[in-house]
């Protein structure tokens, strides 16, 4: 079971790194972005959750602008 958890954690960390890179490339930094380790616990085969965390108003506005521009494409 430890190997399975390690695989799920590694996959989730890769997704978080990819998301972080895309956000930074768009001018958005979410300082609390990370894998939610509590959701990794247990016997479930489900992948853990990604914690987007909290951000200030400026970051929220930037994220909203990036999403808005993406929808226009």
PDB file of N, CA and C in Angstrom:
ATOM      1  N   UNK A   1       0.811  -1.185   0.000  1.00  0.00           N
ATOM      2  CA  UNK A   1       0.000   0.000   0.000  1.00  0.00           C
ATOM      3  C   UNK A   1       0.862   1.260   0.000  1.00  0.00           C
ATOM      4  N   UNK A   2       2.057   1.196   0.579  1.00  0.00           N
ATOM      5  CA  UNK A   2       2.951   2.351   0.620  1.00  0.00           C
ATOM      6  C   UNK A   2       3.370   2.756  -0.785  1.00  0.00           C
ATOM      7  N   UNK A   3       3.656   1.770  -1.650  1.00  0.00           N
ATOM      8  CA  UNK A   3       4.052   2.065  -3.024  1.00  0.00           C
ATOM      9  C   UNK A   3       2.924   2.794  -3.741  1.00  0.00           C
ATOM     10  N   UNK A   4       1.700   2.313  -3.560  1.00  0.00           N
ATOM     11  CA  UNK A   4       0.535   2.934  -4.209  1.00  0.00           C
ATOM     12  C   UNK A   4       0.383   4.380  -3.761  1.00  0.00           C
ATOM     13  N   UNK A   5       0.539   4.638  -2.469  1.00  0.00           N
ATOM     14  CA  UNK A   5       0.459   6.002  -1.948  1.00  0.00           C
ATOM     15  C   UNK A   5       1.572   6.867  -2.516  1.00  0.00           C
ATOM     16  N   UNK A   6       2.760   6.301  -2.635  1.00  0.00           N
ATOM     17  CA  UNK A   6       3.888   7.052  -3.186  1.00  0.00           C
ATOM     18  C   UNK A   6       3.631   7.416  -4.645  1.00  0.00           C
ATOM     19  N   UNK A   7       3.042   6.501  -5.404  1.00  0.00           N
ATOM     20  CA  UNK A   7       2.714   6.779  -6.807  1.00  0.00           C
ATOM     21  C   UNK A   7       1.668   7.878  -6.913  1.00  0.00           C
ATOM     22  N   UNK A   8       0.650   7.814  -6.079  1.00  0.00           N
ATOM     23  CA  UNK A   8      -0.400   8.824  -6.097  1.00  0.00           C
ATOM     24  C   UNK A   8       0.138  10.183  -5.693  1.00  0.00           C
ATOM     25  N   UNK A   9       1.009  10.208  -4.682  1.00  0.00           N
ATOM     26  CA  UNK A   9       1.613  11.463  -4.244  1.00  0.00           C
ATOM     27  C   UNK A   9       2.483  12.039  -5.348  1.00  0.00           C
ATOM     28  N   UNK A  10       3.287  11.218  -5.988  1.00  0.00           N
ATOM     29  CA  UNK A  10       4.165  11.685  -7.063  1.00  0.00           C
ATOM     30  C   UNK A  10       3.337  12.270  -8.217  1.00  0.00           C
ATOM     31  N   UNK A  11       2.265  11.596  -8.586  1.00  0.00           N
ATOM     32  CA  UNK A  11       1.396  12.088  -9.658  1.00  0.00           C
ATOM     33  C   UNK A  11       0.777  13.432  -9.272  1.00  0.00           C
ATOM     34  N   UNK A  12       0.318  13.538  -8.043  1.00  0.00           N
ATOM     35  CA  UNK A  12      -0.289  14.793  -7.585  1.00  0.00           C
ATOM     36  C   UNK A  12       0.742  15.921  -7.545  1.00  0.00           C
ATOM     37  N   UNK A  13       1.948  15.629  -7.109  1.00  0.00           N
ATOM     38  CA  UNK A  13       3.007  16.648  -7.077  1.00  0.00           C
ATOM     39  C   UNK A  13       3.355  17.134  -8.480  1.00  0.00           C
ATOM     40  N   UNK A  14       3.331  16.225  -9.454  1.00  0.00           N
ATOM     41  CA  UNK A  14       3.590  16.616 -10.836  1.00  0.00           C
ATOM     42  C   UNK A  14       2.502  17.553 -11.349  1.00  0.00           C
ATOM     43  N   UNK A  15       1.256  17.257 -11.015  1.00  0.00           N
ATOM     44  CA  UNK A  15       0.149  18.115 -11.430  1.00  0.00           C
ATOM     45  C   UNK A  15       0.269  19.490 -10.778  1.00  0.00           C
ATOM     46  N   UNK A  16       0.594  19.520  -9.498  1.00  0.00           N
ATOM     47  CA  UNK A  16       0.754  20.795  -8.794  1.00  0.00           C
ATOM     48  C   UNK A  16       1.885  21.604  -9.432  1.00  0.00           C
ATOM     49  N   UNK A  17       2.986  20.961  -9.754  1.00  0.00           N
ATOM     50  CA  UNK A  17       4.103  21.665 -10.391  1.00  0.00           C
ATOM     51  C   UNK A  17       3.700  22.220 -11.753  1.00  0.00           C
ATOM     52  N   UNK A  18       2.953  21.439 -12.519  1.00  0.00           N
ATOM     53  CA  UNK A  18       2.491  21.897 -13.836  1.00  0.00           C
ATOM     54  C   UNK A  18       1.538  23.087 -13.679  1.00  0.00           C
ATOM     55  N   UNK A  19       0.602  22.981 -12.751  1.00  0.00           N
ATOM     56  CA  UNK A  19      -0.336  24.070 -12.514  1.00  0.00           C
ATOM     57  C   UNK A  19       0.395  25.324 -12.044  1.00  0.00           C
ATOM     58  N   UNK A  20       1.341  25.162 -11.125  1.00  0.00           N
ATOM     59  CA  UNK A  20       2.112  26.300 -10.629  1.00  0.00           C
ATOM     60  C   UNK A  20       2.842  26.988 -11.784  1.00  0.00           C
ATOM     61  N   UNK A  21       3.463  26.197 -12.655  1.00  0.00           N
ATOM     62  CA  UNK A  21       4.179  26.764 -13.797  1.00  0.00           C
ATOM     63  C   UNK A  21       3.267  27.538 -14.725  1.00  0.00           C
ATOM     64  N   UNK A  22       2.092  26.983 -15.001  1.00  0.00           N
ATOM     65  CA  UNK A  22       1.137  27.671 -15.881  1.00  0.00           C
ATOM     66  C   UNK A  22       0.626  28.952 -15.244  1.00  0.00           C
ATOM     67  N   UNK A  23       0.343  28.906 -13.955  1.00  0.00           N
ATOM     68  CA  UNK A  23      -0.128  30.107 -13.266  1.00  0.00           C
ATOM     69  C   UNK A  23       0.944  31.190 -13.252  1.00  0.00           C
ATOM     70  N   UNK A  24       2.168  30.817 -12.923  1.00  0.00           N
ATOM     71  CA  UNK A  24       3.267  31.789 -12.900  1.00  0.00           C
ATOM     72  C   UNK A  24       3.474  32.377 -14.288  1.00  0.00           C
ATOM     73  N   UNK A  25       3.385  31.544 -15.313  1.00  0.00           N
ATOM     74  CA  UNK A  25       3.521  32.019 -16.687  1.00  0.00           C
ATOM     75  C   UNK A  25       2.432  33.002 -17.076  1.00  0.00           C
ATOM     76  N   UNK A  26       1.316  32.966 -16.343  1.00  0.00           N
ATOM     77  CA  UNK A  26       0.216  33.883 -16.591  1.00  0.00           C
ATOM     78  C   UNK A  26       0.208  35.056 -15.610  1.00  0.00           C
ATOM     79  N   UNK A  27       1.244  35.114 -14.792  1.00  0.00           N
ATOM     80  CA  UNK A  27       1.353  36.218 -13.841  1.00  0.00           C
ATOM     81  C   UNK A  27       0.585  36.020 -12.547  1.00  0.00           C
ATOM     82  N   UNK A  28       0.261  34.774 -12.226  1.00  0.00           N
ATOM     83  CA  UNK A  28      -0.513  34.480 -11.013  1.00  0.00           C
ATOM     84  C   UNK A  28       0.307  33.555 -10.122  1.00  0.00           C
ATOM     85  N   UNK A  29       0.440  33.938  -8.853  1.00  0.00           N
ATOM     86  CA  UNK A  29       1.138  33.087  -7.883  1.00  0.00           C
ATOM     87  C   UNK A  29       0.186  32.769  -6.748  1.00  0.00           C
ATOM     88  N   UNK A  30      -0.060  31.490  -6.525  1.00  0.00           N
ATOM     89  CA  UNK A  30      -0.853  31.039  -5.382  1.00  0.00           C
ATOM     90  C   UNK A  30       0.117  30.455  -4.359  1.00  0.00           C
ATOM     91  N   UNK A  31       0.469  31.226  -3.327  1.00  0.00           N
ATOM     92  CA  UNK A  31       1.506  30.781  -2.385  1.00  0.00           C
ATOM     93  C   UNK A  31       1.160  29.513  -1.617  1.00  0.00           C
ATOM     94  N   UNK A  32      -0.113  29.211  -1.472  1.00  0.00           N
ATOM     95  CA  UNK A  32      -0.515  28.029  -0.697  1.00  0.00           C
ATOM     96  C   UNK A  32      -0.784  26.811  -1.567  1.00  0.00           C
ATOM     97  N   UNK A  33      -0.495  26.870  -2.853  1.00  0.00           N
ATOM     98  CA  UNK A  33      -0.743  25.761  -3.770  1.00  0.00           C
ATOM     99  C   UNK A  33       0.094  24.546  -3.355  1.00  0.00           C
ATOM    100  N   UNK A  34      -0.604  23.420  -3.120  1.00  0.00           N
ATOM    101  CA  UNK A  34       0.109  22.212  -2.687  1.00  0.00           C
ATOM    102  C   UNK A  34      -0.821  20.997  -2.753  1.00  0.00           C
ATOM    103  N   UNK A  35      -0.246  19.837  -2.574  1.00  0.00           N
ATOM    104  CA  UNK A  35      -1.021  18.601  -2.462  1.00  0.00           C
ATOM    105  C   UNK A  35      -1.600  18.542  -1.055  1.00  0.00           C
ATOM    106  N   UNK A  36      -2.877  18.206  -0.960  1.00  0.00           N
ATOM    107  CA  UNK A  36      -3.530  18.037   0.329  1.00  0.00           C
ATOM    108  C   UNK A  36      -3.196  16.641   0.838  1.00  0.00           C
ATOM    109  N   UNK A  37      -2.248  16.562   1.750  1.00  0.00           N
ATOM    110  CA  UNK A  37      -1.760  15.261   2.223  1.00  0.00           C
ATOM    111  C   UNK A  37      -2.814  14.472   2.983  1.00  0.00           C
ATOM    112  N   UNK A  38      -3.754  15.143   3.631  1.00  0.00           N
ATOM    113  CA  UNK A  38      -4.801  14.438   4.366  1.00  0.00           C
ATOM    114  C   UNK A  38      -5.641  13.598   3.402  1.00  0.00           C
ATOM    115  N   UNK A  39      -5.884  14.127   2.203  1.00  0.00           N
ATOM    116  CA  UNK A  39      -6.697  13.380   1.238  1.00  0.00           C
ATOM    117  C   UNK A  39      -5.948  12.179   0.663  1.00  0.00           C
ATOM    118  N   UNK A  40      -4.659  12.100   0.888  1.00  0.00           N
ATOM    119  CA  UNK A  40      -3.849  10.975   0.433  1.00  0.00           C
ATOM    120  C   UNK A  40      -3.966   9.785   1.392  1.00  0.00           C
ATOM    121  N   UNK A  41      -4.325  10.072   2.626  1.00  0.00           N
ATOM    122  CA  UNK A  41      -4.417   9.023   3.647  1.00  0.00           C
ATOM    123  C   UNK A  41      -5.581   8.085   3.350  1.00  0.00           C
ATOM    124  N   UNK A  42      -5.469   6.888   3.812  1.00  0.00           N
ATOM    125  CA  UNK A  42      -6.554   5.921   3.661  1.00  0.00           C
ATOM    126  C   UNK A  42      -6.265   4.909   2.572  1.00  0.00           C
ATOM    127  N   UNK A  43      -7.215   4.023   2.386  1.00  0.00           N
ATOM    128  CA  UNK A  43      -7.051   2.919   1.456  1.00  0.00           C
ATOM    129  C   UNK A  43      -7.627   3.191   0.068  1.00  0.00           C
ATOM    130  N   UNK A  44      -8.140   4.370  -0.138  1.00  0.00           N
ATOM    131  CA  UNK A  44      -8.775   4.699  -1.417  1.00  0.00           C
ATOM    132  C   UNK A  44      -7.739   4.751  -2.533  1.00  0.00           C
ATOM    133  N   UNK A  45      -8.161   4.372  -3.739  1.00  0.00           N
ATOM    134  CA  UNK A  45      -7.294   4.487  -4.906  1.00  0.00           C
ATOM    135  C   UNK A  45      -7.411   5.859  -5.563  1.00  0.00           C
ATOM    136  N   UNK A  46      -8.262   6.710  -5.008  1.00  0.00           N
ATOM    137  CA  UNK A  46      -8.455   8.038  -5.571  1.00  0.00           C
ATOM    138  C   UNK A  46      -7.189   8.879  -5.395  1.00  0.00           C
ATOM    139  N   UNK A  47      -6.972   9.753  -6.342  1.00  0.00           N
ATOM    140  CA  UNK A  47      -5.828  10.652  -6.225  1.00  0.00           C
ATOM    141  C   UNK A  47      -6.137  11.720  -5.187  1.00  0.00           C
ATOM    142  N   UNK A  48      -5.108  12.241  -4.524  1.00  0.00           N
ATOM    143  CA  UNK A  48      -5.335  13.264  -3.509  1.00  0.00           C
ATOM    144  C   UNK A  48      -5.842  14.563  -4.129  1.00  0.00           C
ATOM    145  N   UNK A  49      -6.378  15.396  -3.281  1.00  0.00           N
ATOM    146  CA  UNK A  49      -6.864  16.699  -3.712  1.00  0.00           C
ATOM    147  C   UNK A  49      -5.704  17.683  -3.824  1.00  0.00           C
ATOM    148  N   UNK A  50      -5.911  18.717  -4.613  1.00  0.00           N
ATOM    149  CA  UNK A  50      -4.941  19.802  -4.726  1.00  0.00           C
ATOM    150  C   UNK A  50      -5.504  20.980  -3.944  1.00  0.00           C
ATOM    151  N   UNK A  51      -4.724  21.468  -3.015  1.00  0.00           N
ATOM    152  CA  UNK A  51      -5.111  22.610  -2.192  1.00  0.00           C
ATOM    153  C   UNK A  51      -4.665  23.881  -2.900  1.00  0.00           C
ATOM    154  N   UNK A  52      -5.634  24.672  -3.357  1.00  0.00           N
ATOM    155  CA  UNK A  52      -5.304  25.927  -4.024  1.00  0.00           C
ATOM    156  C   UNK A  52      -4.958  27.015  -3.011  1.00  0.00           C
ATOM    157  N   UNK A  53      -5.486  26.902  -1.829  1.00  0.00           N
ATOM    158  CA  UNK A  53      -5.128  27.810  -0.753  1.00  0.00           C
ATOM    159  C   UNK A  53      -5.777  29.170  -0.843  1.00  0.00           C
ATOM    160  N   UNK A  54      -5.293  30.039  -0.016  1.00  0.00           N
ATOM    161  CA  UNK A  54      -5.823  31.388   0.053  1.00  0.00           C
ATOM    162  C   UNK A  54      -4.917  32.327  -0.727  1.00  0.00           C
ATOM    163  N   UNK A  55      -5.496  33.442  -1.177  1.00  0.00           N
ATOM    164  CA  UNK A  55      -4.695  34.446  -1.877  1.00  0.00           C
ATOM    165  C   UNK A  55      -5.274  35.826  -1.575  1.00  0.00           C
ATOM    166  N   UNK A  56      -4.484  36.857  -1.853  1.00  0.00           N
ATOM    167  CA  UNK A  56      -4.968  38.215  -1.620  1.00  0.00           C
ATOM    168  C   UNK A  56      -5.854  38.663  -2.785  1.00  0.00           C
ATOM    169  N   UNK A  57      -6.478  39.817  -2.654  1.00  0.00           N
ATOM    170  CA  UNK A  57      -7.412  40.303  -3.666  1.00  0.00           C
ATOM    171  C   UNK A  57      -6.738  40.539  -5.012  1.00  0.00           C
ATOM    172  N   UNK A  58      -5.516  41.047  -5.004  1.00  0.00           N
ATOM    173  CA  UNK A  58      -4.802  41.284  -6.262  1.00  0.00           C
ATOM    174  C   UNK A  58      -4.603  39.977  -7.028  1.00  0.00           C
ATOM    175  N   UNK A  59      -4.217  38.932  -6.328  1.00  0.00           N
ATOM    176  CA  UNK A  59      -4.018  37.632  -6.970  1.00  0.00           C
ATOM    177  C   UNK A  59      -5.340  37.081  -7.484  1.00  0.00           C
ATOM    178  N   UNK A  60      -6.403  37.232  -6.714  1.00  0.00           N
ATOM    179  CA  UNK A  60      -7.720  36.760  -7.155  1.00  0.00           C
ATOM    180  C   UNK A  60      -8.164  37.500  -8.419  1.00  0.00           C
ATOM    181  N   UNK A  61      -7.918  38.798  -8.472  1.00  0.00           N
ATOM    182  CA  UNK A  61      -8.263  39.568  -9.669  1.00  0.00           C
ATOM    183  C   UNK A  61      -7.442  39.132 -10.875  1.00  0.00           C
ATOM    184  N   UNK A  62      -6.156  38.875 -10.667  1.00  0.00           N
ATOM    185  CA  UNK A  62      -5.309  38.404 -11.771  1.00  0.00           C
ATOM    186  C   UNK A  62      -5.779  37.050 -12.277  1.00  0.00           C
ATOM    187  N   UNK A  63      -6.107  36.160 -11.365  1.00  0.00           N
ATOM    188  CA  UNK A  63      -6.598  34.840 -11.751  1.00  0.00           C
ATOM    189  C   UNK A  63      -7.908  34.961 -12.532  1.00  0.00           C
ATOM    190  N   UNK A  64      -8.810  35.813 -12.068  1.00  0.00           N
ATOM    191  CA  UNK A  64     -10.071  36.032 -12.779  1.00  0.00           C
ATOM    192  C   UNK A  64      -9.818  36.575 -14.181  1.00  0.00           C
ATOM    193  N   UNK A  65      -8.858  37.493 -14.323  1.00  0.00           N
ATOM    194  CA  UNK A  65      -8.541  38.062 -15.633  1.00  0.00           C
ATOM    195  C   UNK A  65      -7.960  37.008 -16.572  1.00  0.00           C
ATOM    196  N   UNK A  66      -7.091  36.165 -16.067  1.00  0.00           N
ATOM    197  CA  UNK A  66      -6.496  35.097 -16.876  1.00  0.00           C
ATOM    198  C   UNK A  66      -7.588  34.132 -17.345  1.00  0.00           C
ATOM    199  N   UNK A  67      -8.474  33.743 -16.456  1.00  0.00           N
ATOM    200  CA  UNK A  67      -9.565  32.841 -16.817  1.00  0.00           C
ATOM    201  C   UNK A  67     -10.505  33.488 -17.830  1.00  0.00           C
ATOM    202  N   UNK A  68     -10.777  34.755 -17.646  1.00  0.00           N
ATOM    203  CA  UNK A  68     -11.643  35.478 -18.581  1.00  0.00           C
ATOM    204  C   UNK A  68     -11.015  35.510 -19.970  1.00  0.00           C
ATOM    205  N   UNK A  69      -9.738  35.814 -20.056  1.00  0.00           N
ATOM    206  CA  UNK A  69      -9.041  35.843 -21.351  1.00  0.00           C
ATOM    207  C   UNK A  69      -9.022  34.459 -21.996  1.00  0.00           C
ATOM    208  N   UNK A  70      -8.852  33.440 -21.187  1.00  0.00           N
ATOM    209  CA  UNK A  70      -8.843  32.075 -21.713  1.00  0.00           C
ATOM    210  C   UNK A  70     -10.181  31.676 -22.308  1.00  0.00           C
ATOM    211  N   UNK A  71     -11.257  32.146 -21.730  1.00  0.00           N
ATOM    212  CA  UNK A  71     -12.593  31.835 -22.270  1.00  0.00           C
ATOM    213  C   UNK A  71     -12.833  32.533 -23.606  1.00  0.00           C
ATOM    214  N   UNK A  72     -12.200  33.661 -23.813  1.00  0.00           N
ATOM    215  CA  UNK A  72     -12.407  34.414 -25.059  1.00  0.00           C
ATOM    216  C   UNK A  72     -11.752  33.739 -26.247  1.00  0.00           C
ATOM    217  N   UNK A  73     -10.830  32.824 -26.003  1.00  0.00           N
ATOM    218  CA  UNK A  73     -10.114  32.159 -27.102  1.00  0.00           C
ATOM    219  C   UNK A  73     -10.901  31.063 -27.725  1.00  0.00           C
TER     220      UNK A  73
END
